[in-house]
PDB file of N, CA and C in Angstrom:
ATOM      1  N   GLN A   1     110.759 109.793  91.377  1.00  0.00           N
ATOM      2  CA  GLN A   1     108.775 109.765  91.095  1.00  0.00           C
ATOM      3  C   GLN A   1     107.933 110.826  91.797  1.00  0.00           C
ATOM      4  N   VAL A   2     106.922 111.361  90.806  1.00  0.00           N
ATOM      5  CA  VAL A   2     106.000 112.170  90.899  1.00  0.00           C
ATOM      6  C   VAL A   2     105.551 111.704  92.664  1.00  0.00           C
ATOM      7  N   GLN A   3     105.045 112.933  93.295  1.00  0.00           N
ATOM      8  CA  GLN A   3     104.225 112.828  94.040  1.00  0.00           C
ATOM      9  C   GLN A   3     103.268 113.790  94.403  1.00  0.00           C
ATOM     10  N   LEU A   4     102.111 113.577  94.749  1.00  0.00           N
ATOM     11  CA  LEU A   4     100.891 114.158  94.702  1.00  0.00           C
ATOM     12  C   LEU A   4     100.445 114.473  96.304  1.00  0.00           C
ATOM     13  N   MET A   5     100.068 116.068  96.179  1.00  0.00           N
ATOM     14  CA  MET A   5      99.755 116.702  97.751  1.00  0.00           C
ATOM     15  C   MET A   5      98.567 117.042  97.137  1.00  0.00           C
ATOM     16  N   GLU A   6      97.466 116.960  98.215  1.00  0.00           N
ATOM     17  CA  GLU A   6      96.024 117.431  98.039  1.00  0.00           C
ATOM     18  C   GLU A   6      95.898 118.719  99.180  1.00  0.00           C
ATOM     19  N   SER A   7      94.884 119.742  98.806  1.00  0.00           N
ATOM     20  CA  SER A   7      95.063 120.492  99.690  1.00  0.00           C
ATOM     21  C   SER A   7      93.533 120.956  99.675  1.00  0.00           C
ATOM     22  N   GLY A   8      93.021 121.579 100.648  1.00  0.00           N
ATOM     23  CA  GLY A   8      91.614 122.379 100.927  1.00  0.00           C
ATOM     24  C   GLY A   8      90.377 121.576 101.295  1.00  0.00           C
ATOM     25  N   GLY A   9      90.715 120.171 102.133  1.00  0.00           N
ATOM     26  CA  GLY A   9      89.762 120.132 102.777  1.00  0.00           C
ATOM     27  C   GLY A   9      89.124 120.269 103.914  1.00  0.00           C
ATOM     28  N   GLY A  10      88.242 120.000 104.460  1.00  0.00           N
ATOM     29  CA  GLY A  10      87.901 120.952 106.113  1.00  0.00           C
ATOM     30  C   GLY A  10      86.054 120.186 106.209  1.00  0.00           C
ATOM     31  N   SER A  11      85.627 120.784 107.322  1.00  0.00           N
ATOM     32  CA  SER A  11      84.195 120.443 107.519  1.00  0.00           C
ATOM     33  C   SER A  11      83.425 121.791 106.766  1.00  0.00           C
ATOM     34  N   VAL A  12      82.392 121.302 106.420  1.00  0.00           N
ATOM     35  CA  VAL A  12      81.460 122.345 105.909  1.00  0.00           C
ATOM     36  C   VAL A  12      80.021 121.844 106.272  1.00  0.00           C
ATOM     37  N   GLN A  13      78.730 122.870 106.410  1.00  0.00           N
ATOM     38  CA  GLN A  13      77.249 122.407 106.144  1.00  0.00           C
ATOM     39  C   GLN A  13      76.646 121.824 104.960  1.00  0.00           C
ATOM     40  N   PRO A  14      75.889 121.445 105.308  1.00  0.00           N
ATOM     41  CA  PRO A  14      75.422 120.656 103.762  1.00  0.00           C
ATOM     42  C   PRO A  14      74.833 121.911 103.089  1.00  0.00           C
ATOM     43  N   GLY A  15      75.070 121.826 101.836  1.00  0.00           N
ATOM     44  CA  GLY A  15      74.432 122.733 100.823  1.00  0.00           C
ATOM     45  C   GLY A  15      75.978 123.723 100.805  1.00  0.00           C
ATOM     46  N   GLY A  16      76.827 123.675 101.525  1.00  0.00           N
ATOM     47  CA  GLY A  16      78.059 124.504 101.041  1.00  0.00           C
ATOM     48  C   GLY A  16      79.137 123.971  99.995  1.00  0.00           C
ATOM     49  N   SER A  17      80.150 124.570 100.103  1.00  0.00           N
ATOM     50  CA  SER A  17      81.249 124.633  98.962  1.00  0.00           C
ATOM     51  C   SER A  17      82.460 124.303  99.534  1.00  0.00           C
ATOM     52  N   LEU A  18      83.130 123.474  98.659  1.00  0.00           N
ATOM     53  CA  LEU A  18      85.081 123.395  99.010  1.00  0.00           C
ATOM     54  C   LEU A  18      85.511 123.405  97.756  1.00  0.00           C
ATOM     55  N   ARG A  19      86.950 123.742  97.577  1.00  0.00           N
ATOM     56  CA  ARG A  19      87.933 123.590  96.498  1.00  0.00           C
ATOM     57  C   ARG A  19      88.701 122.545  96.912  1.00  0.00           C
ATOM     58  N   LEU A  20      89.243 121.540  96.479  1.00  0.00           N
ATOM     59  CA  LEU A  20      90.375 120.887  96.815  1.00  0.00           C
ATOM     60  C   LEU A  20      91.373 121.194  95.307  1.00  0.00           C
ATOM     61  N   SER A  21      92.824 121.400  95.688  1.00  0.00           N
ATOM     62  CA  SER A  21      93.685 121.334  94.843  1.00  0.00           C
ATOM     63  C   SER A  21      94.508 120.102  94.964  1.00  0.00           C
ATOM     64  N   CYS A  22      95.252 119.768  94.116  1.00  0.00           N
ATOM     65  CA  CYS A  22      96.288 118.819  93.948  1.00  0.00           C
ATOM     66  C   CYS A  22      97.562 119.082  92.969  1.00  0.00           C
ATOM     67  N   ALA A  23      98.612 119.031  93.551  1.00  0.00           N
ATOM     68  CA  ALA A  23      99.583 119.870  93.368  1.00  0.00           C
ATOM     69  C   ALA A  23     101.111 118.702  92.987  1.00  0.00           C
ATOM     70  N   ALA A  24     101.729 118.699  92.295  1.00  0.00           N
ATOM     71  CA  ALA A  24     103.364 117.607  92.280  1.00  0.00           C
ATOM     72  C   ALA A  24     103.930 118.197  93.122  1.00  0.00           C
ATOM     73  N   SER A  25     104.469 117.439  94.074  1.00  0.00           N
ATOM     74  CA  SER A  25     105.748 117.790  95.008  1.00  0.00           C
ATOM     75  C   SER A  25     107.167 117.739  94.228  1.00  0.00           C
ATOM     76  N   GLY A  26     107.719 118.779  93.987  1.00  0.00           N
ATOM     77  CA  GLY A  26     109.136 118.892  93.367  1.00  0.00           C
ATOM     78  C   GLY A  26     109.158 118.812  91.840  1.00  0.00           C
ATOM     79  N   SER A  27     108.103 118.747  91.520  1.00  0.00           N
ATOM     80  CA  SER A  27     108.059 118.384  90.100  1.00  0.00           C
ATOM     81  C   SER A  27     106.784 118.851  89.373  1.00  0.00           C
ATOM     82  N   VAL A  28     106.879 118.915  87.532  1.00  0.00           N
ATOM     83  CA  VAL A  28     105.800 119.529  87.100  1.00  0.00           C
ATOM     84  C   VAL A  28     104.782 118.356  87.116  1.00  0.00           C
ATOM     85  N   LEU A  29     103.356 118.924  87.236  1.00  0.00           N
ATOM     86  CA  LEU A  29     102.575 118.050  86.921  1.00  0.00           C
ATOM     87  C   LEU A  29     102.106 117.290  85.708  1.00  0.00           C
ATOM     88  N   ASP A  30     102.504 116.169  85.450  1.00  0.00           N
ATOM     89  CA  ASP A  30     102.314 115.708  84.146  1.00  0.00           C
ATOM     90  C   ASP A  30     102.029 114.337  83.908  1.00  0.00           C
ATOM     91  N   TYR A  31     100.595 114.250  83.399  1.00  0.00           N
ATOM     92  CA  TYR A  31     100.205 112.797  83.303  1.00  0.00           C
ATOM     93  C   TYR A  31      99.431 112.750  82.044  1.00  0.00           C
ATOM     94  N   TYR A  32      99.028 111.207  81.958  1.00  0.00           N
ATOM     95  CA  TYR A  32      97.955 110.882  81.031  1.00  0.00           C
ATOM     96  C   TYR A  32      96.802 111.346  81.380  1.00  0.00           C
ATOM     97  N   ALA A  33      96.634 110.737  82.597  1.00  0.00           N
ATOM     98  CA  ALA A  33      95.053 111.002  83.295  1.00  0.00           C
ATOM     99  C   ALA A  33      95.265 111.192  84.609  1.00  0.00           C
ATOM    100  N   ILE A  34      94.262 112.125  84.705  1.00  0.00           N
ATOM    101  CA  ILE A  34      94.494 112.480  86.813  1.00  0.00           C
ATOM    102  C   ILE A  34      92.944 112.574  87.130  1.00  0.00           C
ATOM    103  N   GLY A  35      92.858 112.403  88.112  1.00  0.00           N
ATOM    104  CA  GLY A  35      91.272 112.691  88.835  1.00  0.00           C
ATOM    105  C   GLY A  35      91.512 112.330  90.034  1.00  0.00           C
ATOM    106  N   TRP A  36      90.420 112.609  90.740  1.00  0.00           N
ATOM    107  CA  TRP A  36      89.976 112.331  92.176  1.00  0.00           C
ATOM    108  C   TRP A  36      88.888 111.578  92.534  1.00  0.00           C
ATOM    109  N   PHE A  37      89.266 110.712  93.682  1.00  0.00           N
ATOM    110  CA  PHE A  37      88.505 109.658  94.015  1.00  0.00           C
ATOM    111  C   PHE A  37      88.144 109.969  95.557  1.00  0.00           C
ATOM    112  N   ARG A  38      87.375 109.205  96.095  1.00  0.00           N
ATOM    113  CA  ARG A  38      86.965 109.501  97.367  1.00  0.00           C
ATOM    114  C   ARG A  38      86.665 108.087  97.954  1.00  0.00           C
ATOM    115  N   GLN A  39      86.839 107.781  99.410  1.00  0.00           N
ATOM    116  CA  GLN A  39      86.464 106.918 100.096  1.00  0.00           C
ATOM    117  C   GLN A  39      86.035 107.392 101.542  1.00  0.00           C
ATOM    118  N   ALA A  40      84.543 106.731 101.856  1.00  0.00           N
ATOM    119  CA  ALA A  40      84.106 107.140 102.917  1.00  0.00           C
ATOM    120  C   ALA A  40      84.295 105.657 103.562  1.00  0.00           C
ATOM    121  N   PRO A  41      84.163 105.592 105.107  1.00  0.00           N
ATOM    122  CA  PRO A  41      84.078 104.846 105.813  1.00  0.00           C
ATOM    123  C   PRO A  41      83.069 103.502 105.617  1.00  0.00           C
ATOM    124  N   GLY A  42      84.016 102.372 105.204  1.00  0.00           N
ATOM    125  CA  GLY A  42      83.170 101.422 105.278  1.00  0.00           C
ATOM    126  C   GLY A  42      82.799 100.902 103.841  1.00  0.00           C
ATOM    127  N   LYS A  43      83.111 102.061 102.579  1.00  0.00           N
ATOM    128  CA  LYS A  43      83.062 101.767 101.327  1.00  0.00           C
ATOM    129  C   LYS A  43      84.243 101.921 100.509  1.00  0.00           C
ATOM    130  N   GLU A  44      83.669 101.397  99.320  1.00  0.00           N
ATOM    131  CA  GLU A  44      85.071 101.329  98.227  1.00  0.00           C
ATOM    132  C   GLU A  44      85.280 102.321  98.095  1.00  0.00           C
ATOM    133  N   ARG A  45      86.679 102.566  97.292  1.00  0.00           N
ATOM    134  CA  ARG A  45      87.298 103.946  96.982  1.00  0.00           C
ATOM    135  C   ARG A  45      86.478 103.639  95.499  1.00  0.00           C
ATOM    136  N   GLU A  46      85.954 104.905  95.253  1.00  0.00           N
ATOM    137  CA  GLU A  46      85.440 105.337  93.807  1.00  0.00           C
ATOM    138  C   GLU A  46      86.043 106.617  93.066  1.00  0.00           C
ATOM    139  N   GLY A  47      85.902 106.541  92.044  1.00  0.00           N
ATOM    140  CA  GLY A  47      85.899 107.830  91.076  1.00  0.00           C
ATOM    141  C   GLY A  47      84.979 108.478  90.867  1.00  0.00           C
ATOM    142  N   VAL A  48      85.481 109.941  91.309  1.00  0.00           N
ATOM    143  CA  VAL A  48      84.661 111.157  91.503  1.00  0.00           C
ATOM    144  C   VAL A  48      84.560 112.164  90.081  1.00  0.00           C
ATOM    145  N   SER A  49      85.538 112.413  89.485  1.00  0.00           N
ATOM    146  CA  SER A  49      85.867 113.150  88.560  1.00  0.00           C
ATOM    147  C   SER A  49      87.560 112.505  87.706  1.00  0.00           C
ATOM    148  N   CYS A  50      87.576 112.463  86.744  1.00  0.00           N
ATOM    149  CA  CYS A  50      88.857 112.150  85.930  1.00  0.00           C
ATOM    150  C   CYS A  50      89.077 113.187  84.697  1.00  0.00           C
ATOM    151  N   ILE A  51      90.451 113.560  84.689  1.00  0.00           N
ATOM    152  CA  ILE A  51      90.510 114.504  83.058  1.00  0.00           C
ATOM    153  C   ILE A  51      91.594 113.382  82.414  1.00  0.00           C
ATOM    154  N   SER A  52      91.159 113.345  81.089  1.00  0.00           N
ATOM    155  CA  SER A  52      92.289 112.783  80.231  1.00  0.00           C
ATOM    156  C   SER A  52      93.119 113.767  79.629  1.00  0.00           C
ATOM    157  N   ASN A  53      94.337 113.450  79.456  1.00  0.00           N
ATOM    158  CA  ASN A  53      95.473 114.873  78.992  1.00  0.00           C
ATOM    159  C   ASN A  53      95.426 114.572  77.705  1.00  0.00           C
ATOM    160  N   ASN A  54      94.562 113.669  76.806  1.00  0.00           N
ATOM    161  CA  ASN A  54      94.330 113.308  75.263  1.00  0.00           C
ATOM    162  C   ASN A  54      93.729 114.013  74.846  1.00  0.00           C
ATOM    163  N   ASP A  55      92.986 114.392  75.412  1.00  0.00           N
ATOM    164  CA  ASP A  55      91.683 115.585  74.594  1.00  0.00           C
ATOM    165  C   ASP A  55      91.196 116.308  75.810  1.00  0.00           C
ATOM    166  N   ASN A  56      91.751 116.400  76.737  1.00  0.00           N
ATOM    167  CA  ASN A  56      91.030 117.213  77.825  1.00  0.00           C
ATOM    168  C   ASN A  56      89.279 116.874  78.467  1.00  0.00           C
ATOM    169  N   SER A  57      88.914 115.998  78.013  1.00  0.00           N
ATOM    170  CA  SER A  57      87.871 115.487  78.367  1.00  0.00           C
ATOM    171  C   SER A  57      87.887 114.932  79.984  1.00  0.00           C
ATOM    172  N   THR A  58      86.557 115.233  80.595  1.00  0.00           N
ATOM    173  CA  THR A  58      86.291 115.000  81.788  1.00  0.00           C
ATOM    174  C   THR A  58      85.352 114.006  82.243  1.00  0.00           C
ATOM    175  N   TYR A  59      85.563 113.284  83.187  1.00  0.00           N
ATOM    176  CA  TYR A  59      84.310 112.410  83.377  1.00  0.00           C
ATOM    177  C   TYR A  59      83.911 112.894  84.682  1.00  0.00           C
ATOM    178  N   TYR A  60      82.603 112.487  85.325  1.00  0.00           N
ATOM    179  CA  TYR A  60      82.259 112.493  86.428  1.00  0.00           C
ATOM    180  C   TYR A  60      81.266 111.707  86.756  1.00  0.00           C
ATOM    181  N   GLY A  61      81.437 111.402  88.102  1.00  0.00           N
ATOM    182  CA  GLY A  61      80.627 110.183  88.753  1.00  0.00           C
ATOM    183  C   GLY A  61      79.019 110.619  88.656  1.00  0.00           C
ATOM    184  N   ASP A  62      78.214 109.690  88.452  1.00  0.00           N
ATOM    185  CA  ASP A  62      76.787 110.422  88.452  1.00  0.00           C
ATOM    186  C   ASP A  62      76.327 110.810  89.651  1.00  0.00           C
ATOM    187  N   SER A  63      76.876 110.471  90.980  1.00  0.00           N
ATOM    188  CA  SER A  63      76.545 110.902  92.576  1.00  0.00           C
ATOM    189  C   SER A  63      76.900 112.445  92.560  1.00  0.00           C
ATOM    190  N   VAL A  64      77.693 113.169  91.010  1.00  0.00           N
ATOM    191  CA  VAL A  64      78.438 114.161  91.859  1.00  0.00           C
ATOM    192  C   VAL A  64      78.225 115.209  90.411  1.00  0.00           C
ATOM    193  N   LYS A  65      77.691 114.680  89.326  1.00  0.00           N
ATOM    194  CA  LYS A  65      77.393 115.351  88.196  1.00  0.00           C
ATOM    195  C   LYS A  65      76.296 116.382  88.444  1.00  0.00           C
ATOM    196  N   GLY A  66      76.876 117.630  87.832  1.00  0.00           N
ATOM    197  CA  GLY A  66      75.855 118.925  88.189  1.00  0.00           C
ATOM    198  C   GLY A  66      76.340 119.961  89.460  1.00  0.00           C
ATOM    199  N   ARG A  67      77.172 119.177  90.338  1.00  0.00           N
ATOM    200  CA  ARG A  67      77.618 119.813  91.714  1.00  0.00           C
ATOM    201  C   ARG A  67      78.899 119.933  91.797  1.00  0.00           C
ATOM    202  N   PHE A  68      79.811 118.946  90.882  1.00  0.00           N
ATOM    203  CA  PHE A  68      81.509 119.019  91.238  1.00  0.00           C
ATOM    204  C   PHE A  68      81.504 119.512  89.667  1.00  0.00           C
ATOM    205  N   THR A  69      82.970 120.247  89.833  1.00  0.00           N
ATOM    206  CA  THR A  69      83.568 120.383  88.475  1.00  0.00           C
ATOM    207  C   THR A  69      85.091 120.414  88.977  1.00  0.00           C
ATOM    208  N   SER A  70      85.563 119.588  87.443  1.00  0.00           N
ATOM    209  CA  SER A  70      87.281 119.684  87.983  1.00  0.00           C
ATOM    210  C   SER A  70      87.830 120.273  86.904  1.00  0.00           C
ATOM    211  N   GLY A  71      89.327 119.950  86.995  1.00  0.00           N
ATOM    212  CA  GLY A  71      89.689 121.144  85.844  1.00  0.00           C
ATOM    213  C   GLY A  71      91.591 121.092  85.626  1.00  0.00           C
ATOM    214  N   ASP A  72      92.025 121.415  85.239  1.00  0.00           N
ATOM    215  CA  ASP A  72      93.693 121.734  85.225  1.00  0.00           C
ATOM    216  C   ASP A  72      93.658 123.494  85.005  1.00  0.00           C
ATOM    217  N   ASN A  73      94.043 123.960  85.836  1.00  0.00           N
ATOM    218  CA  ASN A  73      94.399 125.164  85.982  1.00  0.00           C
ATOM    219  C   ASN A  73      95.396 125.902  85.170  1.00  0.00           C
ATOM    220  N   ALA A  74      96.302 125.082  84.665  1.00  0.00           N
ATOM    221  CA  ALA A  74      97.102 125.782  84.274  1.00  0.00           C
ATOM    222  C   ALA A  74      98.702 126.301  85.104  1.00  0.00           C
ATOM    223  N   LYS A  75      98.278 126.111  86.538  1.00  0.00           N
ATOM    224  CA  LYS A  75      99.352 126.665  87.462  1.00  0.00           C
ATOM    225  C   LYS A  75      99.876 125.462  88.104  1.00  0.00           C
ATOM    226  N   ASN A  76     100.015 124.385  87.438  1.00  0.00           N
ATOM    227  CA  ASN A  76     100.626 123.048  87.971  1.00  0.00           C
ATOM    228  C   ASN A  76      99.638 122.471  88.897  1.00  0.00           C
ATOM    229  N   THR A  77      98.517 122.895  89.146  1.00  0.00           N
ATOM    230  CA  THR A  77      97.320 122.206  90.005  1.00  0.00           C
ATOM    231  C   THR A  77      96.278 121.887  89.320  1.00  0.00           C
ATOM    232  N   VAL A  78      95.549 120.982  89.727  1.00  0.00           N
ATOM    233  CA  VAL A  78      94.176 120.354  89.124  1.00  0.00           C
ATOM    234  C   VAL A  78      93.510 120.529  90.394  1.00  0.00           C
ATOM    235  N   TYR A  79      91.925 120.954  90.136  1.00  0.00           N
ATOM    236  CA  TYR A  79      91.654 121.310  91.275  1.00  0.00           C
ATOM    237  C   TYR A  79      89.895 120.528  91.317  1.00  0.00           C
ATOM    238  N   LEU A  80      89.432 120.425  92.477  1.00  0.00           N
ATOM    239  CA  LEU A  80      87.913 120.010  92.391  1.00  0.00           C
ATOM    240  C   LEU A  80      87.171 120.861  93.046  1.00  0.00           C
ATOM    241  N   GLN A  81      86.052 121.662  92.405  1.00  0.00           N
ATOM    242  CA  GLN A  81      85.161 122.257  93.029  1.00  0.00           C
ATOM    243  C   GLN A  81      83.842 121.578  93.414  1.00  0.00           C
ATOM    244  N   MET A  82      83.370 121.556  94.273  1.00  0.00           N
ATOM    245  CA  MET A  82      82.614 120.712  94.870  1.00  0.00           C
ATOM    246  C   MET A  82      81.556 122.052  95.679  1.00  0.00           C
ATOM    247  N   ASN A  83      80.274 121.998  94.927  1.00  0.00           N
ATOM    248  CA  ASN A  83      79.044 122.492  95.475  1.00  0.00           C
ATOM    249  C   ASN A  83      77.933 122.036  95.766  1.00  0.00           C
ATOM    250  N   SER A  84      77.303 122.162  96.229  1.00  0.00           N
ATOM    251  CA  SER A  84      75.877 121.963  97.150  1.00  0.00           C
ATOM    252  C   SER A  84      76.243 120.429  97.779  1.00  0.00           C
ATOM    253  N   LEU A  85      77.148 120.706  98.488  1.00  0.00           N
ATOM    254  CA  LEU A  85      77.888 119.237  99.137  1.00  0.00           C
ATOM    255  C   LEU A  85      76.743 118.662  99.952  1.00  0.00           C
ATOM    256  N   LYS A  86      76.629 117.553  99.982  1.00  0.00           N
ATOM    257  CA  LYS A  86      75.582 116.609 100.971  1.00  0.00           C
ATOM    258  C   LYS A  86      76.207 115.873 101.904  1.00  0.00           C
ATOM    259  N   PRO A  87      75.689 115.436 102.668  1.00  0.00           N
ATOM    260  CA  PRO A  87      76.354 114.448 103.880  1.00  0.00           C
ATOM    261  C   PRO A  87      77.015 113.239 103.542  1.00  0.00           C
ATOM    262  N   GLU A  88      76.305 112.734 102.298  1.00  0.00           N
ATOM    263  CA  GLU A  88      76.982 111.493 101.975  1.00  0.00           C
ATOM    264  C   GLU A  88      78.262 111.789 100.808  1.00  0.00           C
ATOM    265  N   ASP A  89      78.781 113.165 100.637  1.00  0.00           N
ATOM    266  CA  ASP A  89      79.861 113.619 100.376  1.00  0.00           C
ATOM    267  C   ASP A  89      81.242 113.315 101.322  1.00  0.00           C
ATOM    268  N   THR A  90      80.764 113.372 102.405  1.00  0.00           N
ATOM    269  CA  THR A  90      81.786 113.221 103.561  1.00  0.00           C
ATOM    270  C   THR A  90      82.829 111.528 103.106  1.00  0.00           C
ATOM    271  N   ALA A  91      84.090 111.918 103.289  1.00  0.00           N
ATOM    272  CA  ALA A  91      85.026 111.095 102.655  1.00  0.00           C
ATOM    273  C   ALA A  91      86.480 111.334 102.653  1.00  0.00           C
ATOM    274  N   VAL A  92      87.169 110.777 102.757  1.00  0.00           N
ATOM    275  CA  VAL A  92      88.710 111.280 102.607  1.00  0.00           C
ATOM    276  C   VAL A  92      88.740 110.946 100.598  1.00  0.00           C
ATOM    277  N   TYR A  93      89.098 112.536 100.242  1.00  0.00           N
ATOM    278  CA  TYR A  93      89.159 112.560  99.150  1.00  0.00           C
ATOM    279  C   TYR A  93      90.913 112.439  98.465  1.00  0.00           C
ATOM    280  N   TYR A  94      91.301 111.653  97.278  1.00  0.00           N
ATOM    281  CA  TYR A  94      92.118 111.328  96.792  1.00  0.00           C
ATOM    282  C   TYR A  94      92.632 112.018  95.551  1.00  0.00           C
ATOM    283  N   CYS A  95      93.910 112.502  95.035  1.00  0.00           N
ATOM    284  CA  CYS A  95      94.184 113.102  93.761  1.00  0.00           C
ATOM    285  C   CYS A  95      95.087 111.843  93.568  1.00  0.00           C
ATOM    286  N   ALA A  96      95.137 111.138  92.054  1.00  0.00           N
ATOM    287  CA  ALA A  96      95.745 110.158  91.684  1.00  0.00           C
ATOM    288  C   ALA A  96      95.625 110.522  90.238  1.00  0.00           C
ATOM    289  N   SER A  97      96.825 109.959  89.790  1.00  0.00           N
ATOM    290  CA  SER A  97      97.448 109.920  88.191  1.00  0.00           C
ATOM    291  C   SER A  97      98.042 108.715  87.538  1.00  0.00           C
ATOM    292  N   THR A  98      98.311 108.995  86.700  1.00  0.00           N
ATOM    293  CA  THR A  98      99.112 107.720  85.885  1.00  0.00           C
ATOM    294  C   THR A  98     100.143 108.442  84.946  1.00  0.00           C
ATOM    295  N   GLN A  99     101.443 107.742  84.948  1.00  0.00           N
ATOM    296  CA  GLN A  99     102.191 108.307  83.575  1.00  0.00           C
ATOM    297  C   GLN A  99     102.437 107.722  82.765  1.00  0.00           C
ATOM    298  N   PHE A 100     101.241 106.824  82.233  1.00  0.00           N
ATOM    299  CA  PHE A 100     101.057 105.628  81.297  1.00  0.00           C
ATOM    300  C   PHE A 100      99.947 106.519  80.511  1.00  0.00           C
ATOM    301  N   PRO A 101     100.198 105.810  79.387  1.00  0.00           N
ATOM    302  CA  PRO A 101      98.931 105.967  77.971  1.00  0.00           C
ATOM    303  C   PRO A 101      97.892 104.959  78.750  1.00  0.00           C
ATOM    304  N   ILE A 102      96.543 105.822  78.620  1.00  0.00           N
ATOM    305  CA  ILE A 102      95.419 104.914  79.471  1.00  0.00           C
ATOM    306  C   ILE A 102      94.048 105.480  78.475  1.00  0.00           C
ATOM    307  N   THR A 103      93.206 104.507  78.241  1.00  0.00           N
ATOM    308  CA  THR A 103      92.105 104.832  78.029  1.00  0.00           C
ATOM    309  C   THR A 103      90.762 105.527  78.534  1.00  0.00           C
ATOM    310  N   LYS A 104      90.244 106.094  77.958  1.00  0.00           N
ATOM    311  CA  LYS A 104      89.139 106.983  79.224  1.00  0.00           C
ATOM    312  C   LYS A 104      88.390 105.846  79.415  1.00  0.00           C
ATOM    313  N   ALA A 105      87.767 104.731  78.955  1.00  0.00           N
ATOM    314  CA  ALA A 105      87.203 103.594  79.539  1.00  0.00           C
ATOM    315  C   ALA A 105      87.438 103.539  81.040  1.00  0.00           C
ATOM    316  N   ILE A 106      88.812 103.401  81.411  1.00  0.00           N
ATOM    317  CA  ILE A 106      89.260 103.098  82.756  1.00  0.00           C
ATOM    318  C   ILE A 106      89.990 104.187  83.524  1.00  0.00           C
ATOM    319  N   MET A 107      90.144 105.417  82.982  1.00  0.00           N
ATOM    320  CA  MET A 107      90.842 106.394  83.438  1.00  0.00           C
ATOM    321  C   MET A 107      90.568 106.902  85.017  1.00  0.00           C
ATOM    322  N   CYS A 108      89.041 106.097  85.204  1.00  0.00           N
ATOM    323  CA  CYS A 108      88.603 106.897  86.774  1.00  0.00           C
ATOM    324  C   CYS A 108      88.553 105.558  87.578  1.00  0.00           C
ATOM    325  N   SER A 109      89.047 104.469  87.165  1.00  0.00           N
ATOM    326  CA  SER A 109      89.030 103.074  87.933  1.00  0.00           C
ATOM    327  C   SER A 109      90.452 103.193  88.997  1.00  0.00           C
ATOM    328  N   PRO A 110      89.955 103.508  90.178  1.00  0.00           N
ATOM    329  CA  PRO A 110      91.165 103.384  91.178  1.00  0.00           C
ATOM    330  C   PRO A 110      92.351 102.414  91.005  1.00  0.00           C
ATOM    331  N   TRP A 111      92.160 101.137  90.439  1.00  0.00           N
ATOM    332  CA  TRP A 111      93.248  99.917  90.164  1.00  0.00           C
ATOM    333  C   TRP A 111      93.900 100.514  88.844  1.00  0.00           C
ATOM    334  N   ALA A 112      93.731 101.729  87.999  1.00  0.00           N
ATOM    335  CA  ALA A 112      94.220 101.988  86.989  1.00  0.00           C
ATOM    336  C   ALA A 112      95.372 102.873  86.996  1.00  0.00           C
ATOM    337  N   LEU A 113      95.516 103.782  88.098  1.00  0.00           N
ATOM    338  CA  LEU A 113      96.428 104.755  88.517  1.00  0.00           C
ATOM    339  C   LEU A 113      97.204 104.712  89.351  1.00  0.00           C
ATOM    340  N   GLU A 114      98.662 104.800  89.159  1.00  0.00           N
ATOM    341  CA  GLU A 114      99.793 104.126  90.158  1.00  0.00           C
ATOM    342  C   GLU A 114     100.276 105.419  90.815  1.00  0.00           C
ATOM    343  N   VAL A 115     100.078 106.495  91.003  1.00  0.00           N
ATOM    344  CA  VAL A 115     100.783 107.786  91.863  1.00  0.00           C
ATOM    345  C   VAL A 115      99.301 108.333  92.481  1.00  0.00           C
ATOM    346  N   TRP A 116      99.442 108.136  93.883  1.00  0.00           N
ATOM    347  CA  TRP A 116      98.482 108.691  94.812  1.00  0.00           C
ATOM    348  C   TRP A 116      98.893 109.818  95.962  1.00  0.00           C
ATOM    349  N   GLY A 117      98.121 110.644  96.231  1.00  0.00           N
ATOM    350  CA  GLY A 117      98.260 111.204  97.174  1.00  0.00           C
ATOM    351  C   GLY A 117      97.997 111.028  98.468  1.00  0.00           C
ATOM    352  N   GLN A 118      98.411 111.565  99.621  1.00  0.00           N
ATOM    353  CA  GLN A 118      97.760 111.290 100.992  1.00  0.00           C
ATOM    354  C   GLN A 118      96.140 111.255 101.407  1.00  0.00           C
ATOM    355  N   GLY A 119      95.675 111.885 100.750  1.00  0.00           N
ATOM    356  CA  GLY A 119      94.433 112.247 101.119  1.00  0.00           C
ATOM    357  C   GLY A 119      93.818 113.597 101.728  1.00  0.00           C
ATOM    358  N   THR A 120      92.646 113.912 101.635  1.00  0.00           N
ATOM    359  CA  THR A 120      91.731 115.127 102.488  1.00  0.00           C
ATOM    360  C   THR A 120      90.801 114.904 102.948  1.00  0.00           C
ATOM    361  N   LEU A 121      90.641 114.920 104.157  1.00  0.00           N
ATOM    362  CA  LEU A 121      89.238 114.860 104.507  1.00  0.00           C
ATOM    363  C   LEU A 121      88.193 115.607 104.246  1.00  0.00           C
ATOM    364  N   VAL A 122      87.237 115.427 103.596  1.00  0.00           N
ATOM    365  CA  VAL A 122      86.086 116.297 103.935  1.00  0.00           C
ATOM    366  C   VAL A 122      84.981 116.209 104.525  1.00  0.00           C
ATOM    367  N   THR A 123      84.348 116.336 105.472  1.00  0.00           N
ATOM    368  CA  THR A 123      83.245 115.971 106.212  1.00  0.00           C
ATOM    369  C   THR A 123      82.401 117.582 105.811  1.00  0.00           C
ATOM    370  N   VAL A 124      80.924 116.786 105.536  1.00  0.00           N
ATOM    371  CA  VAL A 124      79.932 117.830 105.464  1.00  0.00           C
ATOM    372  C   VAL A 124      78.967 116.976 106.639  1.00  0.00           C
ATOM    373  N   SER A 125      78.628 117.927 107.505  1.00  0.00           N
ATOM    374  CA  SER A 125      77.717 117.824 108.353  1.00  0.00           C
ATOM    375  C   SER A 125      76.895 119.245 108.972  1.00  0.00           C
ATOM    376  N   SER A 126      75.546 119.337 109.519  1.00  0.00           N
ATOM    377  CA  SER A 126      74.989 120.095 110.298  1.00  0.00           C
ATOM    378  C   SER A 126      75.289 120.083 111.584  1.00  0.00           C
TER     379      SER A 126
END
């Protein structure tokens, strides 16, 4: 089974930037949809940005639109570029994907994806 590994988390001051990467362990990164999710302490896991392999369309959550960008860089990794970071972006960020056909309506719903990475912590604080 495909295993995903995130990297690039860390601590940054408000207004700063971080770039997260997601790679498949020991295999080609293959998916019908892949995305970034985050979970802050005491909050539910939420979809941040998700990519459909059907048409390469990308969904962004309202809270990150205009600040975050994600894509498949054709080097067998998917990235999440996070700019203008805010303290409320502090969370564990996960990469997740599905090996099954999926509609765009649900591809960024945490319950719809079955392959998950271990997560990487992003802390935004002054």
